Amino acid sequence: MNAGSPDPGQVVAAYAHALDALDVPALEAVLTEDTTWTFTMPGPKVLGPVSGRAAVLDFVRAGHAAQSGTVRHHLGNVLLTAADAAGAEVRAYLLQTRNTGDGVRLLSTGVYTFGLRRDGAGWRIAELALALDNAL
């Protein structure tokens, strides 16, 4: 599904698939130019905000370069919590795993909140907030 999807939840799913595959064009397609990502970890520790599509894509590339194995972002209980013609909010649970070939390991869990904005191309992620239940 692409950013032109009429369903904001599909944009969230497209984000997770693009992120895991490091499909930069697909990830770029679901982000607004001024997208902002913020991560909160227990402590309370905050990473970010990472602001702007170019900075977010650099952040993603660096994260992929530092990881080993295959990392998957499993999004569940996806819920559209607010929507109007211009914007929407979607919440989803995160279960993040890593497969190194020797088995699958749970990396983290948390709650995503996506702020989406509709433009001429469809829905895009303008704000991403991830509240992790545990530190990576």
C-alpha atoms as a PDB file:
ATOM      1  CA  MET A   1       0.000   0.000   0.000  1.00  0.00           C
ATOM      2  CA  ASN A   2       1.289   3.466  -0.691  1.00  0.00           C
ATOM      3  CA  ALA A   3       0.890   6.844   0.961  1.00  0.00           C
ATOM      4  CA  GLY A   4      -2.114   7.501  -1.264  1.00  0.00           C
ATOM      5  CA  SER A   5      -4.096   4.902   0.684  1.00  0.00           C
ATOM      6  CA  PRO A   6      -7.473   6.093   1.990  1.00  0.00           C
ATOM      7  CA  ASP A   7      -6.731   4.240   5.236  1.00  0.00           C
ATOM      8  CA  PRO A   8      -4.265   5.890   7.662  1.00  0.00           C
ATOM      9  CA  GLY A   9      -3.582   2.467   9.228  1.00  0.00           C
ATOM     10  CA  GLN A  10      -2.177   1.244   5.921  1.00  0.00           C
ATOM     11  CA  VAL A  11       0.340   4.101   5.952  1.00  0.00           C
ATOM     12  CA  VAL A  12       1.495   2.902   9.372  1.00  0.00           C
ATOM     13  CA  ALA A  13       1.898  -0.643   8.019  1.00  0.00           C
ATOM     14  CA  ALA A  14       3.771   0.681   4.974  1.00  0.00           C
ATOM     15  CA  TYR A  15       6.091   2.558   7.349  1.00  0.00           C
ATOM     16  CA  ALA A  16       6.969  -0.633   9.255  1.00  0.00           C
ATOM     17  CA  HIS A  17       7.627  -2.632   6.088  1.00  0.00           C
ATOM     18  CA  ALA A  18       9.777   0.133   4.574  1.00  0.00           C
ATOM     19  CA  LEU A  19      11.695   0.610   7.830  1.00  0.00           C
ATOM     20  CA  ASP A  20      12.531  -3.081   8.186  1.00  0.00           C
ATOM     21  CA  ALA A  21      13.576  -3.439   4.540  1.00  0.00           C
ATOM     22  CA  LEU A  22      15.489  -0.137   4.561  1.00  0.00           C
ATOM     23  CA  ASP A  23      13.418   0.763   1.522  1.00  0.00           C
ATOM     24  CA  VAL A  24      14.316   4.458   1.560  1.00  0.00           C
ATOM     25  CA  PRO A  25      12.051   5.508  -1.348  1.00  0.00           C
ATOM     26  CA  ALA A  26       9.052   3.765   0.271  1.00  0.00           C
ATOM     27  CA  LEU A  27       9.865   5.274   3.665  1.00  0.00           C
ATOM     28  CA  GLU A  28      10.305   8.701   2.118  1.00  0.00           C
ATOM     29  CA  ALA A  29       6.893   8.334   0.463  1.00  0.00           C
ATOM     30  CA  VAL A  30       5.089   7.935   3.797  1.00  0.00           C
ATOM     31  CA  LEU A  31       6.826  10.843   5.580  1.00  0.00           C
ATOM     32  CA  THR A  32       6.054  14.544   5.374  1.00  0.00           C
ATOM     33  CA  GLU A  33       8.981  16.835   4.574  1.00  0.00           C
ATOM     34  CA  ASP A  34       8.782  18.253   8.128  1.00  0.00           C
ATOM     35  CA  THR A  35       8.231  14.927   9.908  1.00  0.00           C
ATOM     36  CA  THR A  36       9.384  14.708  13.532  1.00  0.00           C
ATOM     37  CA  TRP A  37      10.324  11.526  15.415  1.00  0.00           C
ATOM     38  CA  THR A  38      10.664  11.321  19.207  1.00  0.00           C
ATOM     39  CA  PHE A  39      11.463   8.285  21.343  1.00  0.00           C
ATOM     40  CA  THR A  40      10.862   8.024  25.082  1.00  0.00           C
ATOM     41  CA  MET A  41      12.572   5.314  27.114  1.00  0.00           C
ATOM     42  CA  PRO A  42      12.245   4.391  30.782  1.00  0.00           C
ATOM     43  CA  GLY A  43      14.352   6.586  32.937  1.00  0.00           C
ATOM     44  CA  PRO A  44      12.890   9.015  31.664  1.00  0.00           C
ATOM     45  CA  LYS A  45      15.173   9.278  28.668  1.00  0.00           C
ATOM     46  CA  VAL A  46      14.206  11.010  25.452  1.00  0.00           C
ATOM     47  CA  LEU A  47      15.856  10.570  22.074  1.00  0.00           C
ATOM     48  CA  GLY A  48      15.025  13.326  19.661  1.00  0.00           C
ATOM     49  CA  PRO A  49      13.204  14.958  18.307  1.00  0.00           C
ATOM     50  CA  VAL A  50      14.730  14.048  14.981  1.00  0.00           C
ATOM     51  CA  SER A  51      13.235  16.686  12.699  1.00  0.00           C
ATOM     52  CA  GLY A  52      12.856  16.750   8.947  1.00  0.00           C
ATOM     53  CA  ARG A  53      12.581  13.909   6.453  1.00  0.00           C
ATOM     54  CA  ALA A  54      16.291  14.049   5.482  1.00  0.00           C
ATOM     55  CA  ALA A  55      17.415  13.851   9.129  1.00  0.00           C
ATOM     56  CA  VAL A  56      14.994  10.992   9.832  1.00  0.00           C
ATOM     57  CA  LEU A  57      16.248   9.034   6.816  1.00  0.00           C
ATOM     58  CA  ASP A  58      19.856   9.566   7.979  1.00  0.00           C
ATOM     59  CA  PHE A  59      18.813   8.361  11.454  1.00  0.00           C
ATOM     60  CA  VAL A  60      17.238   5.231   9.942  1.00  0.00           C
ATOM     61  CA  ARG A  61      20.291   4.499   7.775  1.00  0.00           C
ATOM     62  CA  ALA A  62      22.603   4.812  10.800  1.00  0.00           C
ATOM     63  CA  GLY A  63      20.347   2.508  12.819  1.00  0.00           C
ATOM     64  CA  HIS A  64      20.394  -0.122  10.091  1.00  0.00           C
ATOM     65  CA  ALA A  65      24.177   0.089   9.767  1.00  0.00           C
ATOM     66  CA  ALA A  66      24.571  -0.540  13.506  1.00  0.00           C
ATOM     67  CA  GLN A  67      22.255  -3.554  13.746  1.00  0.00           C
ATOM     68  CA  SER A  68      22.968  -7.200  13.192  1.00  0.00           C
ATOM     69  CA  GLY A  69      20.542  -9.818  11.972  1.00  0.00           C
ATOM     70  CA  THR A  70      17.073  -9.110  10.674  1.00  0.00           C
ATOM     71  CA  VAL A  71      15.059  -6.682  12.790  1.00  0.00           C
ATOM     72  CA  ARG A  72      11.280  -6.568  12.479  1.00  0.00           C
ATOM     73  CA  HIS A  73       8.833  -4.006  13.834  1.00  0.00           C
ATOM     74  CA  HIS A  74       5.608  -5.941  14.508  1.00  0.00           C
ATOM     75  CA  LEU A  75       2.752  -3.472  14.898  1.00  0.00           C
ATOM     76  CA  GLY A  76      -0.420  -4.693  16.541  1.00  0.00           C
ATOM     77  CA  ASN A  77      -3.670  -3.370  17.947  1.00  0.00           C
ATOM     78  CA  VAL A  78      -3.580  -0.572  15.367  1.00  0.00           C
ATOM     79  CA  LEU A  79      -6.232   1.949  16.326  1.00  0.00           C
ATOM     80  CA  LEU A  80      -7.392   5.096  14.563  1.00  0.00           C
ATOM     81  CA  THR A  81      -7.933   7.425  17.537  1.00  0.00           C
ATOM     82  CA  ALA A  82      -8.836  10.661  15.704  1.00  0.00           C
ATOM     83  CA  ALA A  83      -9.432  11.736  12.128  1.00  0.00           C
ATOM     84  CA  ASP A  84     -10.767  14.543  10.024  1.00  0.00           C
ATOM     85  CA  ALA A  85     -10.212  15.574   6.409  1.00  0.00           C
ATOM     86  CA  ALA A  86      -6.716  16.971   7.066  1.00  0.00           C
ATOM     87  CA  GLY A  87      -5.238  14.813   9.806  1.00  0.00           C
ATOM     88  CA  ALA A  88      -5.426  11.608  11.776  1.00  0.00           C
ATOM     89  CA  GLU A  89      -3.890   9.959  14.811  1.00  0.00           C
ATOM     90  CA  VAL A  90      -3.083   6.247  14.873  1.00  0.00           C
ATOM     91  CA  ARG A  91      -1.823   4.286  17.873  1.00  0.00           C
ATOM     92  CA  ALA A  92      -0.201   0.864  17.678  1.00  0.00           C
ATOM     93  CA  TYR A  93       1.672  -1.516  19.949  1.00  0.00           C
ATOM     94  CA  LEU A  94       5.253  -2.377  19.022  1.00  0.00           C
ATOM     95  CA  LEU A  95       6.917  -5.753  19.391  1.00  0.00           C
ATOM     96  CA  GLN A  96      10.450  -5.545  17.969  1.00  0.00           C
ATOM     97  CA  THR A  97      12.414  -8.728  17.240  1.00  0.00           C
ATOM     98  CA  ARG A  98      15.838  -9.659  15.886  1.00  0.00           C
ATOM     99  CA  ASN A  99      16.629 -12.870  14.015  1.00  0.00           C
ATOM    100  CA  THR A 100      20.348 -13.611  13.745  1.00  0.00           C
ATOM    101  CA  GLY A 101      19.912 -17.085  12.272  1.00  0.00           C
ATOM    102  CA  ASP A 102      20.439 -18.701  15.671  1.00  0.00           C
ATOM    103  CA  GLY A 103      16.958 -17.813  16.861  1.00  0.00           C
ATOM    104  CA  VAL A 104      14.617 -14.919  17.406  1.00  0.00           C
ATOM    105  CA  ARG A 105      15.123 -12.492  20.271  1.00  0.00           C
ATOM    106  CA  LEU A 106      12.688  -9.924  21.646  1.00  0.00           C
ATOM    107  CA  LEU A 107      14.333  -6.490  21.561  1.00  0.00           C
ATOM    108  CA  SER A 108      11.661  -4.155  22.833  1.00  0.00           C
ATOM    109  CA  THR A 109       8.011  -3.365  23.256  1.00  0.00           C
ATOM    110  CA  GLY A 110       6.254  -0.042  23.287  1.00  0.00           C
ATOM    111  CA  VAL A 111       3.461   2.166  22.020  1.00  0.00           C
ATOM    112  CA  TYR A 112       3.609   4.203  18.832  1.00  0.00           C
ATOM    113  CA  THR A 113       1.540   7.324  18.281  1.00  0.00           C
ATOM    114  CA  PHE A 114       1.500   8.494  14.675  1.00  0.00           C
ATOM    115  CA  GLY A 115       0.247  11.945  13.703  1.00  0.00           C
ATOM    116  CA  LEU A 116      -0.731  11.802  10.044  1.00  0.00           C
ATOM    117  CA  ARG A 117      -1.429  14.623   7.647  1.00  0.00           C
ATOM    118  CA  ARG A 118      -3.241  14.364   4.336  1.00  0.00           C
ATOM    119  CA  ASP A 119      -1.712  16.107   1.334  1.00  0.00           C
ATOM    120  CA  GLY A 120      -2.235  15.847  -2.412  1.00  0.00           C
ATOM    121  CA  ALA A 121      -0.516  12.431  -2.471  1.00  0.00           C
ATOM    122  CA  GLY A 122      -2.523  10.968   0.432  1.00  0.00           C
ATOM    123  CA  TRP A 123      -1.733  10.293   4.077  1.00  0.00           C
ATOM    124  CA  ARG A 124       1.803  10.855   5.386  1.00  0.00           C
ATOM    125  CA  ILE A 125       3.418  10.599   8.815  1.00  0.00           C
ATOM    126  CA  ALA A 126       4.019  14.096  10.196  1.00  0.00           C
ATOM    127  CA  GLU A 127       4.788  13.048  13.778  1.00  0.00           C
ATOM    128  CA  LEU A 128       5.985   9.764  15.193  1.00  0.00           C
ATOM    129  CA  ALA A 129       6.277   9.243  18.935  1.00  0.00           C
ATOM    130  CA  LEU A 130       7.435   5.928  20.340  1.00  0.00           C
ATOM    131  CA  ALA A 131       7.202   5.275  24.070  1.00  0.00           C
ATOM    132  CA  LEU A 132       9.373   2.213  24.707  1.00  0.00           C
ATOM    133  CA  ASP A 133       8.615  -0.053  27.651  1.00  0.00           C
ATOM    134  CA  ASN A 134      12.306  -0.960  27.974  1.00  0.00           C
ATOM    135  CA  ALA A 135      15.662   0.437  26.852  1.00  0.00           C
ATOM    136  CA  LEU A 136      17.322  -1.201  23.851  1.00  0.00           C
END
